[in-house]
Protein backbone atom coordinates (compact mmCIF):
# COMPACT_ATOMS: atom_id res chain seq x y z
CA MET A 1 90.01 90.65 102.19
CA ARG A 2 92.53 92.81 102.44
CA ILE A 3 92.66 95.75 100.45
CA ALA A 4 95.09 98.95 99.82
CA VAL A 5 93.98 102.38 98.62
CA THR A 6 96.69 104.75 97.22
CA GLY A 7 95.84 108.16 95.83
CA SER A 8 96.42 111.76 97.41
CA ILE A 9 96.88 112.35 101.04
CA ALA A 10 95.24 116.42 101.71
CA THR A 11 93.39 119.00 103.75
CA ASP A 12 90.64 120.44 101.94
CA HIS A 13 89.83 124.18 102.29
CA LEU A 14 85.98 124.08 101.91
CA MET A 15 84.24 127.57 100.90
CA THR A 16 80.49 128.49 100.04
CA PHE A 17 79.96 131.31 97.65
CA PRO A 18 76.26 132.52 98.06
CA GLY A 19 75.28 132.70 94.09
CA ARG A 20 75.69 131.14 91.08
CA PHE A 21 79.28 131.47 88.93
CA ALA A 22 77.50 131.04 85.62
CA ASP A 23 75.71 134.50 86.70
CA GLN A 24 79.24 136.05 87.30
CA LEU A 25 80.38 134.81 83.88
CA VAL A 26 79.97 136.78 80.44
CA ALA A 27 80.52 134.36 77.96
CA ASP A 28 82.40 136.43 74.97
CA GLN A 29 84.93 137.18 77.95
CA LEU A 30 86.18 133.32 78.85
CA HIS A 31 89.79 134.00 77.50
CA THR A 32 90.15 136.98 80.11
CA VAL A 33 88.80 135.60 83.00
CA SER A 34 89.58 137.56 86.36
CA LEU A 35 87.34 137.27 89.05
CA SER A 36 87.62 137.09 92.89
CA PHE A 37 84.30 135.09 94.74
CA LEU A 38 83.72 137.07 98.51
CA VAL A 39 83.00 133.67 100.41
CA ASP A 40 79.95 133.04 103.52
CA ALA A 41 82.44 130.58 104.84
CA LEU A 42 85.25 128.69 105.20
CA ASP A 43 86.19 124.90 106.80
CA ILE A 44 89.18 122.96 106.93
CA ARG A 45 88.73 119.60 106.70
CA ARG A 46 90.73 116.20 106.36
CA GLY A 47 90.66 115.18 102.83
CA GLY A 48 92.57 113.14 99.99
CA VAL A 49 90.80 110.52 97.83
CA ALA A 50 92.56 107.39 99.72
CA PRO A 51 92.04 108.64 102.75
CA ASN A 52 88.33 109.05 102.30
CA ILE A 53 87.89 106.30 100.76
CA CYS A 54 89.96 104.74 103.88
CA PHE A 55 87.66 106.41 106.45
CA GLY A 56 84.36 105.06 104.76
CA MET A 57 85.45 101.37 104.98
CA GLY A 58 86.79 101.85 108.03
CA ALA A 59 83.52 102.85 109.34
CA LEU A 60 81.66 99.76 108.10
CA GLY A 61 84.28 97.48 109.79
CA LEU A 62 86.72 97.35 107.40
CA ARG A 63 91.01 98.09 108.21
CA PRO A 64 92.18 99.57 104.53
CA VAL A 65 95.64 99.78 104.18
CA LEU A 66 96.36 103.62 103.06
CA VAL A 67 99.09 104.08 100.41
CA GLY A 68 100.18 107.56 99.55
CA ALA A 69 102.86 109.96 100.66
CA ALA A 70 102.59 113.52 103.62
CA GLY A 71 104.56 115.62 105.42
CA GLU A 72 105.32 116.10 108.60
CA ASP A 73 102.07 117.92 109.27
CA PHE A 74 100.09 114.32 109.03
CA ALA A 75 100.63 113.10 112.65
CA GLU A 76 97.17 115.06 113.59
CA TYR A 77 95.39 113.26 110.69
CA ARG A 78 97.10 110.05 110.68
CA ALA A 79 96.33 109.46 114.45
CA TRP A 80 91.85 110.56 112.81
CA LEU A 81 92.64 107.43 110.91
CA ASP A 82 94.52 105.10 113.26
CA ARG A 83 91.15 105.77 115.41
CA HIS A 84 89.00 105.16 112.37
CA GLY A 85 89.91 101.87 111.56
CA VAL A 86 92.48 102.75 108.97
CA ASP A 87 96.14 101.11 108.74
CA THR A 88 98.56 104.00 108.02
CA GLU A 89 101.92 102.58 108.42
CA SER A 90 102.22 102.63 105.09
CA VAL A 91 102.50 106.11 104.61
CA HIS A 92 105.40 108.17 103.35
CA ILE A 93 106.70 110.68 105.10
CA SER A 94 108.48 113.65 103.22
CA GLU A 95 111.09 115.35 104.77
CA LEU A 96 110.37 118.31 102.77
CA LEU A 97 106.62 119.17 101.97
CA HIS A 98 103.59 119.90 103.46
CA THR A 99 101.01 117.49 102.88
CA ALA A 100 99.21 118.21 99.90
CA ARG A 101 95.63 121.35 99.76
CA PHE A 102 92.63 121.02 98.21
CA VAL A 103 91.09 124.48 97.96
CA CYS A 104 87.58 124.31 96.81
CA THR A 105 84.80 126.96 96.43
CA THR A 106 81.39 125.45 96.17
CA ASP A 107 77.92 128.49 94.89
CA THR A 108 74.81 127.70 95.20
CA ASP A 109 74.05 125.64 92.13
CA HIS A 110 76.78 122.92 93.97
CA ASN A 111 79.09 124.02 91.19
CA GLN A 112 82.24 123.97 92.01
CA ILE A 113 85.74 125.58 91.26
CA ALA A 114 89.15 124.23 92.81
CA SER A 115 92.81 124.07 92.80
CA PHE A 116 94.91 121.47 94.11
CA TYR A 117 98.19 121.98 95.78
CA THR A 118 100.50 118.41 95.48
CA GLY A 119 102.89 119.18 97.77
CA ALA A 120 104.28 115.64 99.67
CA MET A 121 101.99 113.69 96.85
CA SER A 122 104.86 114.05 94.66
CA GLU A 123 106.80 111.68 96.50
CA ALA A 124 104.07 108.92 96.25
CA ARG A 125 106.34 107.65 93.32
CA GLN A 126 109.11 106.67 95.53
CA ILE A 127 106.52 104.10 96.98
CA GLU A 128 106.82 100.57 96.06
CA LEU A 129 103.68 97.88 96.85
CA GLN A 130 105.45 94.64 97.61
CA PRO A 131 106.53 95.84 100.89
CA ILE A 132 103.39 97.05 102.05
CA ALA A 133 101.94 93.68 100.83
CA ASP A 134 104.75 91.73 102.54
CA ARG A 135 104.01 93.41 106.00
CA VAL A 136 100.23 92.87 106.01
CA GLY A 137 100.34 89.05 104.85
CA GLY A 138 99.36 89.54 101.30
CA LEU A 139 96.78 92.46 98.94
CA ASP A 140 93.62 91.02 97.75
CA LEU A 141 92.97 94.34 96.01
CA VAL A 142 94.65 97.49 95.34
CA LEU A 143 92.64 100.43 94.51
CA ILE A 144 94.82 103.22 92.23
CA GLY A 145 93.40 106.37 92.86
CA ALA A 146 94.17 109.72 91.76
CA ASP A 147 97.70 110.76 93.02
CA ASP A 148 101.00 111.71 91.46
CA PRO A 149 100.84 110.46 88.15
CA GLU A 150 103.89 108.63 87.74
CA ALA A 151 103.21 106.92 91.39
CA MET A 152 99.68 105.95 89.44
CA VAL A 153 101.72 104.37 86.49
CA ARG A 154 104.05 102.64 88.55
CA HIS A 155 101.79 101.32 91.13
CA THR A 156 99.28 99.81 88.31
CA ASP A 157 102.73 97.96 86.92
CA GLU A 158 103.71 96.86 89.59
CA CYS A 159 100.38 94.97 90.34
CA ARG A 160 100.61 93.20 87.17
CA THR A 161 104.05 92.26 87.36
CA ARG A 162 103.53 90.79 90.54
CA GLY A 163 99.62 89.15 89.78
CA LEU A 164 97.94 92.15 91.55
CA ALA A 165 94.59 92.65 91.27
CA PHE A 166 93.81 96.30 91.00
CA ALA A 167 90.96 98.90 90.66
CA ALA A 168 91.84 102.17 88.45
CA ASP A 169 89.93 104.91 89.75
CA PRO A 170 92.33 107.80 88.10
CA SER A 171 89.34 110.41 88.25
CA GLN A 172 91.22 114.16 88.89
CA GLN A 173 94.11 113.52 86.93
CA LEU A 174 92.22 112.35 83.69
CA ALA A 175 92.69 115.70 82.87
CA ARG A 176 96.47 115.96 82.77
CA MET A 177 97.56 112.63 81.49
CA GLU A 178 97.96 111.39 78.48
CA GLY A 179 96.30 108.77 76.32
CA GLU A 180 99.27 106.42 76.27
CA ASP A 181 99.68 106.56 80.49
CA ILE A 182 95.61 106.05 80.56
CA ARG A 183 95.70 103.37 78.59
CA ARG A 184 98.38 101.93 80.88
CA LEU A 185 96.15 102.25 84.11
CA VAL A 186 92.85 101.35 82.52
CA GLU A 187 94.08 98.19 80.89
CA GLY A 188 93.70 94.47 83.03
CA ALA A 189 91.79 96.57 85.86
CA THR A 190 89.32 94.23 87.77
CA TYR A 191 87.44 97.56 88.28
CA LEU A 192 87.46 100.84 86.44
CA PHE A 193 85.85 103.28 88.45
CA THR A 194 85.07 106.66 86.67
CA ASN A 195 82.04 109.24 86.74
CA GLU A 196 80.11 109.82 82.92
CA TYR A 197 82.60 112.94 82.07
CA GLU A 198 85.59 111.01 82.92
CA LYS A 199 83.68 108.04 81.24
CA ALA A 200 83.62 109.96 77.92
CA LEU A 201 87.49 111.43 78.60
CA ILE A 202 88.97 108.04 78.82
CA GLU A 203 87.43 107.10 75.53
CA ASN A 204 88.38 109.99 74.02
CA LYS A 205 92.05 110.30 75.48
CA THR A 206 92.38 106.29 74.21
CA GLY A 207 90.94 106.83 71.31
CA TRP A 208 89.00 103.12 72.95
CA THR A 209 85.12 102.90 72.40
CA ALA A 210 83.20 101.98 75.15
CA ASP A 211 83.01 97.90 73.97
CA GLU A 212 86.83 98.03 73.48
CA ILE A 213 87.38 99.13 77.35
CA LEU A 214 84.43 97.10 78.71
CA GLY A 215 86.74 94.29 77.27
CA LYS A 216 90.08 95.16 78.65
CA VAL A 217 88.38 95.25 82.19
CA GLY A 218 86.55 93.20 84.55
CA THR A 219 83.99 95.67 85.83
CA ARG A 220 83.51 99.35 84.68
CA VAL A 221 81.19 100.81 87.33
CA THR A 222 80.12 104.27 86.34
CA THR A 223 78.62 106.65 89.04
CA LEU A 224 75.69 109.30 87.68
CA GLY A 225 75.44 111.50 90.44
CA ALA A 226 71.83 111.93 90.88
CA SER A 227 70.74 109.12 89.06
CA GLY A 228 72.74 106.54 90.77
CA VAL A 229 75.23 104.13 89.35
CA ARG A 230 75.52 102.06 86.02
CA ILE A 231 77.78 98.80 86.44
CA GLU A 232 78.62 96.99 83.01
CA ARG A 233 80.52 93.60 82.67
CA THR A 234 81.51 91.98 78.91
CA GLY A 235 78.36 89.62 78.50
CA GLU A 236 76.46 90.50 81.35
CA PRO A 237 73.70 92.34 81.84
CA THR A 238 73.66 96.49 82.72
CA ILE A 239 73.20 96.26 86.48
CA GLU A 240 71.71 100.37 87.64
CA VAL A 241 71.45 101.07 91.18
CA GLY A 242 69.51 104.56 92.21
CA VAL A 243 70.56 106.44 95.36
CA PRO A 244 68.72 106.76 98.57
CA GLU A 245 66.13 110.06 99.29
CA GLU A 246 68.77 113.29 100.71
CA ASN A 247 67.53 114.24 104.00
CA ALA A 248 69.26 117.73 102.47
CA LYS A 249 72.12 118.18 100.16
CA VAL A 250 74.93 120.58 101.69
CA ASP A 251 78.40 119.75 99.90
CA PRO A 252 78.61 117.00 97.45
CA THR A 253 82.94 117.13 97.91
CA GLY A 254 83.64 113.60 98.91
CA VAL A 255 80.77 111.50 97.58
CA GLY A 256 82.18 109.77 94.63
CA ASP A 257 85.00 108.65 97.05
CA ALA A 258 82.27 107.41 99.73
CA PHE A 259 80.33 105.54 97.08
CA ARG A 260 83.74 103.71 96.53
CA ALA A 261 84.45 102.92 100.58
CA GLY A 262 81.34 101.56 100.28
CA PHE A 263 80.89 99.35 96.78
CA LEU A 264 84.61 97.77 98.35
CA ALA A 265 83.11 97.04 100.91
CA GLY A 266 80.95 95.00 99.57
CA VAL A 267 83.15 93.66 97.23
CA SER A 268 84.88 92.63 100.56
CA TRP A 269 81.97 90.98 101.89
CA GLU A 270 81.23 88.40 99.15
CA LEU A 271 78.32 90.70 98.21
CA SER A 272 76.80 90.52 94.84
CA LEU A 273 77.72 93.62 92.55
CA GLU A 274 74.40 95.27 93.07
CA ARG A 275 74.09 94.79 96.20
CA ALA A 276 77.67 96.78 96.75
CA ALA A 277 76.98 99.72 94.73
CA GLN A 278 73.46 99.98 96.70
CA VAL A 279 76.33 100.33 100.02
CA GLY A 280 77.77 102.69 98.10
CA CYS A 281 75.34 104.72 97.07
CA MET A 282 73.86 104.71 100.68
CA VAL A 283 77.30 105.97 102.35
CA ALA A 284 77.47 108.15 99.35
CA THR A 285 74.05 109.87 100.46
CA LEU A 286 75.41 110.47 104.32
CA VAL A 287 78.29 112.31 102.98
CA ILE A 288 76.67 114.24 100.66
CA GLU A 289 74.08 115.28 103.49
CA THR A 290 77.76 116.65 105.59
CA LEU A 291 79.75 119.48 105.18
CA GLY A 292 83.13 117.57 104.62
CA THR A 293 84.54 114.43 103.73
CA GLN A 294 84.88 112.31 106.85
CA GLU A 295 82.61 114.07 109.14
CA TYR A 296 79.86 112.08 108.76
CA GLU A 297 78.81 109.21 111.32
CA LEU A 298 77.14 105.76 110.17
CA ARG A 299 74.93 105.28 113.58
CA SER A 300 73.93 108.54 113.42
CA GLY A 301 73.35 108.40 110.02
CA ARG A 302 70.53 105.81 110.29
CA PHE A 303 72.40 103.48 108.18
CA LEU A 304 71.07 100.34 108.00
CA GLU A 305 67.28 101.78 108.25
CA ARG A 306 67.64 104.10 105.78
CA PHE A 307 69.33 101.42 103.35
CA GLN A 308 66.55 98.80 103.87
CA LYS A 309 63.85 101.97 103.25
CA ALA A 310 66.08 102.27 99.95
CA TYR A 311 66.48 99.22 98.75
CA GLY A 312 64.18 96.42 100.24
CA ALA A 313 64.49 93.94 103.26
CA GLU A 314 66.14 91.54 101.19
CA ALA A 315 68.73 94.09 100.50
CA ALA A 316 69.16 95.28 104.32
CA GLY A 317 69.14 91.17 105.19
CA GLU A 318 72.34 90.79 103.35
CA VAL A 319 74.27 93.67 104.31
CA LYS A 320 73.03 93.57 108.28
CA PRO A 321 75.15 90.23 108.94
CA HIS A 322 78.55 92.06 107.97
CA LEU A 323 77.92 95.69 109.92
CA PRO A 324 79.54 96.89 112.93
CA ALA A 325 77.13 96.05 116.03
CA GLU A 326 76.96 99.48 116.84
CA LEU A 327 75.27 99.86 112.82
CA VAL A 328 72.63 96.93 114.14
C-alpha cells in the first residue's frame, strides 16, 4: 500500500520548565500576561508532523512518501529520513526560506506552551500530488496533516478531483481555520484523526453534529490521551483501545504523530481497525518515553514483547508477520 503523508516539516526546539505554568498565572490578569520562564534544558530535534509520521512508518518497515516544503537547510534531515525508510524525493525545497521551527516549553505537569514559525512551509501550497503519484506508481492513501492551510485545502480538493482516498488530520491548524475550510478538509475523508479537544472544535466551527460528521467520513479516530483511542463508523459498534503501560513519561511531543504512524501501518497491513489502533498506541507509548519525536527505537523498546503484554498473544500473533525481522 503506497501512502503519502503531507504536512509540516520542522525543527523542534524543546525546553523544560521545572515548575507548573498554572502557578505563574494570575486569574484576573490573564488579559495582560507577560511572563518569562527560566528553563532547565534545551534539546534541538527533528520534527514536523509529516516527517514524524513517516519516520514511525519507516521504522515499522513501510516506505511512506513525504510531501511538504523545507529550506536549503534540510539536507542533513533528508539524509536521516532516507536512512530510516522514508521517500523524500517529493519534498519541495524553498530558495528563500528556512525550514519551519517549532519552539515548545513543557512544565512538570506536561502542559505545553509553544510557537511555530512557518518558514518554507508556506510554499507547500505549490505542491501538486499527481506528479508524485505518477512517480511512485499511484497512491492508495494521502494523509493530509497540519501544514500551510492553503496547501491542506489544495491537497484535499485534488484528492477528491482525482479520486484519491485521503485521511484528514488538521490538528494544530484548526485554531486558525474557519468553518468553511474545515468542512472542505473533512467531508469525504476515509479517515478523520483528531484528539478530543479537536473533535469538539471541528463540531463547533463547522456547525455539524458528531453524527453528521460521522456520516461524512469513513472512519473517525479520536485519541483520548492516557485513555487510549476511540474509533467510530456509521452503523458499526464503537471500538475503544487502551494504551500500554508506560515505563516513564518523559515528553509528550509527537505522541499523536506516532499513533498515526502505527495506525497507518496497521491499515497498510490490512489488519482490523482495532489491531491498527493497538499498533498505534504501542508506538505512541515508546515516543512518550523518549525525548524527541524521532529518537525512539522499536527494537530496544521491546516492541513486540510489550505489545503482547498489553494486548495479548492473539493480537501479537496477527501483528508479528508484518514487522521487520529485527523486531521479532
